[in-house]
Amino acid sequence: MLKKNLLKLNRTKTLKFILPITLVILASVTRLIPHPGNFTPIIAIGLYGASKFSKNKIFAFIVPLFAMLLSDVFINKIMLGNWTLLYEGVLFNYAAIIGVVLMSTFIYNKKGSSFRKTSVSIFSGNFLFYLISNFGVFMSFSIYPGTFQGLAAAYIAGLPFLINQLVATIVWSGVLFGADYMFAKYSFKSEKAIV
């Protein structure tokens, strides 16, 4: 009986680790289907990773970066015809994701309700991503003059993408956190009886 309960506990812990990774991979695949500009789950993946892996910080970074890397390679194959990671502004986009995860990890380690921490992370994460990625557009593309007016034009041009990304993050955070909650609610009840 004890051996059976220990096996069930190990299976539960394994599922608690595999579920977030599976949800992230499924969400990253959605970047490959047609969608409005920046209506992607990538920031929600960063927030979810920061929340689920707050104690194992390396996974908080690896999971969303791997999801972005994986989908970027396929997107580049589809759009550019090459299996490559490199594109204009790539470093700024990855720096933005790292910044979102860093900030969200800090927020999730604070006291407060999960809803409040997720809400703060959604809005601040999107704003941070907007600031970094649009600065990357300004620096990487020659469509804007290298002046303050050019930088302002890059940020103004990015506003519709910010709105799309914010809505996408709200929707995808609901999907990721909601699926995680439902799975935990209905799959891990037996763990309480074991411990």
Protein backbone atom coordinates (compact mmCIF):
# COMPACT_ATOMS: atom_id res chain seq x y z
CA MET A 1 0.00 0.00 0.00
CA LEU A 2 2.79 2.44 0.90
CA LYS A 3 4.66 1.59 -2.31
CA LYS A 4 1.50 2.21 -4.35
CA ASN A 5 0.97 5.60 -2.66
CA LEU A 6 4.61 6.60 -3.26
CA LEU A 7 4.33 5.68 -6.94
CA LYS A 8 1.13 7.72 -7.20
CA LEU A 9 2.86 10.69 -5.49
CA ASN A 10 5.83 10.49 -7.91
CA ARG A 11 3.40 10.32 -10.86
CA THR A 12 1.59 13.39 -9.51
CA LYS A 13 4.83 15.35 -9.14
CA THR A 14 5.88 14.34 -12.66
CA LEU A 15 2.51 15.45 -14.06
CA LYS A 16 2.81 18.78 -12.24
CA PHE A 17 6.10 19.31 -14.07
CA ILE A 18 5.07 17.96 -17.48
CA LEU A 19 1.73 19.80 -17.65
CA PRO A 20 3.19 23.32 -17.77
CA ILE A 21 5.71 22.31 -20.42
CA THR A 22 3.01 20.64 -22.52
CA LEU A 23 0.73 23.68 -22.28
CA VAL A 24 3.60 25.97 -23.30
CA ILE A 25 4.47 23.83 -26.34
CA LEU A 26 0.82 23.73 -27.44
CA ALA A 27 0.52 27.50 -27.03
CA SER A 28 3.74 28.15 -28.95
CA VAL A 29 2.44 26.08 -31.88
CA THR A 30 -0.41 28.60 -32.22
CA ARG A 31 2.15 31.17 -33.37
CA LEU A 32 2.36 29.14 -36.59
CA ILE A 33 -1.28 29.58 -37.56
CA PRO A 34 -2.53 32.84 -39.15
CA HIS A 35 -3.25 35.52 -36.54
CA PRO A 36 -3.43 39.33 -36.25
CA GLY A 37 -0.07 41.04 -35.69
CA ASN A 38 1.33 40.24 -32.22
CA PHE A 39 -1.77 38.29 -31.20
CA THR A 40 0.43 35.53 -29.81
CA PRO A 41 0.72 33.66 -26.50
CA ILE A 42 4.41 34.44 -26.00
CA ILE A 43 4.07 36.90 -23.09
CA ALA A 44 1.42 34.70 -21.45
CA ILE A 45 3.89 31.82 -21.75
CA GLY A 46 6.52 33.96 -19.99
CA LEU A 47 4.09 34.84 -17.20
CA TYR A 48 2.91 31.25 -16.84
CA GLY A 49 6.50 29.99 -16.76
CA ALA A 50 7.44 32.58 -14.12
CA SER A 51 4.45 31.53 -12.03
CA LYS A 52 4.83 27.76 -12.35
CA PHE A 53 8.61 27.63 -12.04
CA SER A 54 9.17 30.39 -9.46
CA LYS A 55 11.15 27.98 -7.28
CA ASN A 56 13.17 26.58 -10.21
CA LYS A 57 14.08 29.86 -11.90
CA ILE A 58 16.12 28.32 -14.72
CA PHE A 59 12.95 26.67 -16.07
CA ALA A 60 11.09 29.96 -15.75
CA PHE A 61 13.46 31.28 -18.44
CA ILE A 62 14.09 28.13 -20.47
CA VAL A 63 10.44 27.24 -21.08
CA PRO A 64 9.26 30.52 -22.70
CA LEU A 65 12.57 31.04 -24.53
CA PHE A 66 12.44 27.50 -25.91
CA ALA A 67 8.81 28.02 -26.97
CA MET A 68 9.75 31.22 -28.79
CA LEU A 69 12.86 29.66 -30.31
CA LEU A 70 10.97 26.64 -31.57
CA SER A 71 8.19 28.67 -33.16
CA ASP A 72 10.62 31.29 -34.53
CA VAL A 73 12.55 28.62 -36.44
CA PHE A 74 9.35 27.37 -38.10
CA ILE A 75 8.08 30.90 -38.75
CA ASN A 76 11.39 31.79 -40.43
CA LYS A 77 11.17 28.65 -42.57
CA ILE A 78 7.65 29.60 -43.66
CA MET A 79 8.34 33.33 -44.21
CA LEU A 80 12.00 33.38 -45.26
CA GLY A 81 12.40 29.87 -46.64
CA ASN A 82 15.33 29.13 -44.29
CA TRP A 83 15.69 27.08 -41.12
CA THR A 84 17.19 29.92 -39.14
CA LEU A 85 16.77 31.79 -35.90
CA LEU A 86 18.23 35.05 -37.11
CA TYR A 87 16.05 37.94 -38.22
CA GLU A 88 16.11 41.70 -37.78
CA GLY A 89 15.67 42.58 -34.11
CA VAL A 90 15.90 38.99 -32.83
CA LEU A 91 18.08 39.92 -29.86
CA PHE A 92 15.67 42.62 -28.74
CA ASN A 93 12.72 40.21 -28.82
CA TYR A 94 14.55 37.63 -26.74
CA ALA A 95 15.79 40.33 -24.36
CA ALA A 96 12.17 41.47 -24.00
CA ILE A 97 11.03 37.95 -23.07
CA ILE A 98 13.87 37.63 -20.55
CA GLY A 99 12.83 40.99 -19.09
CA VAL A 100 9.19 39.89 -18.85
CA VAL A 101 10.15 36.65 -17.07
CA LEU A 102 12.54 38.50 -14.70
CA MET A 103 9.92 41.06 -13.78
CA SER A 104 7.15 38.45 -13.47
CA THR A 105 9.30 36.17 -11.29
CA PHE A 106 9.86 39.14 -8.98
CA ILE A 107 6.10 39.88 -8.93
CA TYR A 108 5.12 36.24 -8.29
CA ASN A 109 7.54 36.02 -5.35
CA LYS A 110 5.75 38.90 -3.60
CA LYS A 111 2.85 38.38 -1.23
CA GLY A 112 -0.64 38.83 -2.61
CA SER A 113 -3.35 37.03 -4.50
CA SER A 114 -2.49 35.09 -7.65
CA PHE A 115 -5.09 37.08 -9.58
CA ARG A 116 -3.53 40.40 -8.57
CA LYS A 117 0.01 39.21 -9.34
CA THR A 118 -1.07 37.86 -12.74
CA SER A 119 -2.95 41.08 -13.57
CA VAL A 120 0.06 43.24 -12.68
CA SER A 121 2.33 40.91 -14.66
CA ILE A 122 0.07 41.03 -17.73
CA PHE A 123 0.05 44.81 -17.96
CA SER A 124 3.62 45.48 -16.92
CA GLY A 125 4.95 42.58 -19.01
CA ASN A 126 3.23 43.84 -22.15
CA PHE A 127 4.46 47.37 -21.59
CA LEU A 128 8.03 46.17 -21.04
CA PHE A 129 7.89 43.98 -24.15
CA TYR A 130 6.50 46.95 -26.13
CA LEU A 131 9.31 49.24 -24.95
CA ILE A 132 12.12 46.79 -25.70
CA SER A 133 10.81 45.30 -28.95
CA ASN A 134 9.90 48.66 -30.51
CA PHE A 135 13.29 50.03 -29.54
CA GLY A 136 14.65 46.99 -31.39
CA VAL A 137 12.59 47.89 -34.45
CA PHE A 138 13.98 51.43 -34.27
CA MET A 139 17.56 50.16 -33.96
CA SER A 140 17.36 47.27 -36.44
CA PHE A 141 15.42 48.71 -39.36
CA SER A 142 16.27 51.72 -41.47
CA ILE A 143 12.64 52.78 -41.88
CA TYR A 144 12.94 55.26 -38.99
CA PRO A 145 15.48 58.08 -38.87
CA GLY A 146 18.01 57.82 -36.06
CA THR A 147 16.49 60.73 -34.17
CA PHE A 148 14.17 61.19 -31.23
CA GLN A 149 11.35 61.75 -33.74
CA GLY A 150 12.23 58.43 -35.40
CA LEU A 151 12.12 56.65 -32.05
CA ALA A 152 8.77 58.27 -31.25
CA ALA A 153 7.46 57.21 -34.67
CA ALA A 154 8.55 53.60 -33.96
CA TYR A 155 6.67 53.60 -30.66
CA ILE A 156 3.57 55.18 -32.21
CA ALA A 157 3.60 52.63 -35.04
CA GLY A 158 3.83 49.86 -32.44
CA LEU A 159 0.69 50.87 -30.52
CA PRO A 160 -1.72 48.63 -32.50
CA PHE A 161 0.65 45.71 -31.87
CA LEU A 162 0.71 46.56 -28.16
CA ILE A 163 -3.08 46.42 -28.03
CA ASN A 164 -3.16 43.08 -29.89
CA GLN A 165 -0.45 41.67 -27.62
CA LEU A 166 -2.25 42.84 -24.48
CA VAL A 167 -5.53 41.22 -25.54
CA ALA A 168 -3.68 38.05 -26.57
CA THR A 169 -1.88 37.92 -23.22
CA ILE A 170 -5.16 38.25 -21.33
CA VAL A 171 -6.78 35.50 -23.45
CA TRP A 172 -3.78 33.15 -23.37
CA SER A 173 -3.16 33.71 -19.66
CA GLY A 174 -6.76 32.64 -19.11
CA VAL A 175 -6.19 29.54 -21.22
CA LEU A 176 -2.87 28.55 -19.62
CA PHE A 177 -3.69 29.36 -16.01
CA GLY A 178 -7.26 28.09 -16.43
CA ALA A 179 -6.18 24.75 -17.93
CA ASP A 180 -3.57 24.37 -15.19
CA TYR A 181 -6.16 25.11 -12.49
CA MET A 182 -8.72 22.71 -13.93
CA PHE A 183 -6.18 19.96 -14.33
CA ALA A 184 -4.91 20.44 -10.77
CA LYS A 185 -8.43 20.55 -9.39
CA TYR A 186 -9.53 17.29 -10.99
CA SER A 187 -6.26 15.34 -11.20
CA PHE A 188 -4.38 15.98 -7.98
CA LYS A 189 -7.10 15.39 -5.37
CA SER A 190 -5.54 12.06 -4.48
CA GLU A 191 -2.28 13.77 -3.50
CA LYS A 192 -3.94 15.30 -0.44
CA ALA A 193 -4.98 11.86 0.74
CA ILE A 194 -1.44 10.52 0.35
CA VAL A 195 0.46 13.26 2.14
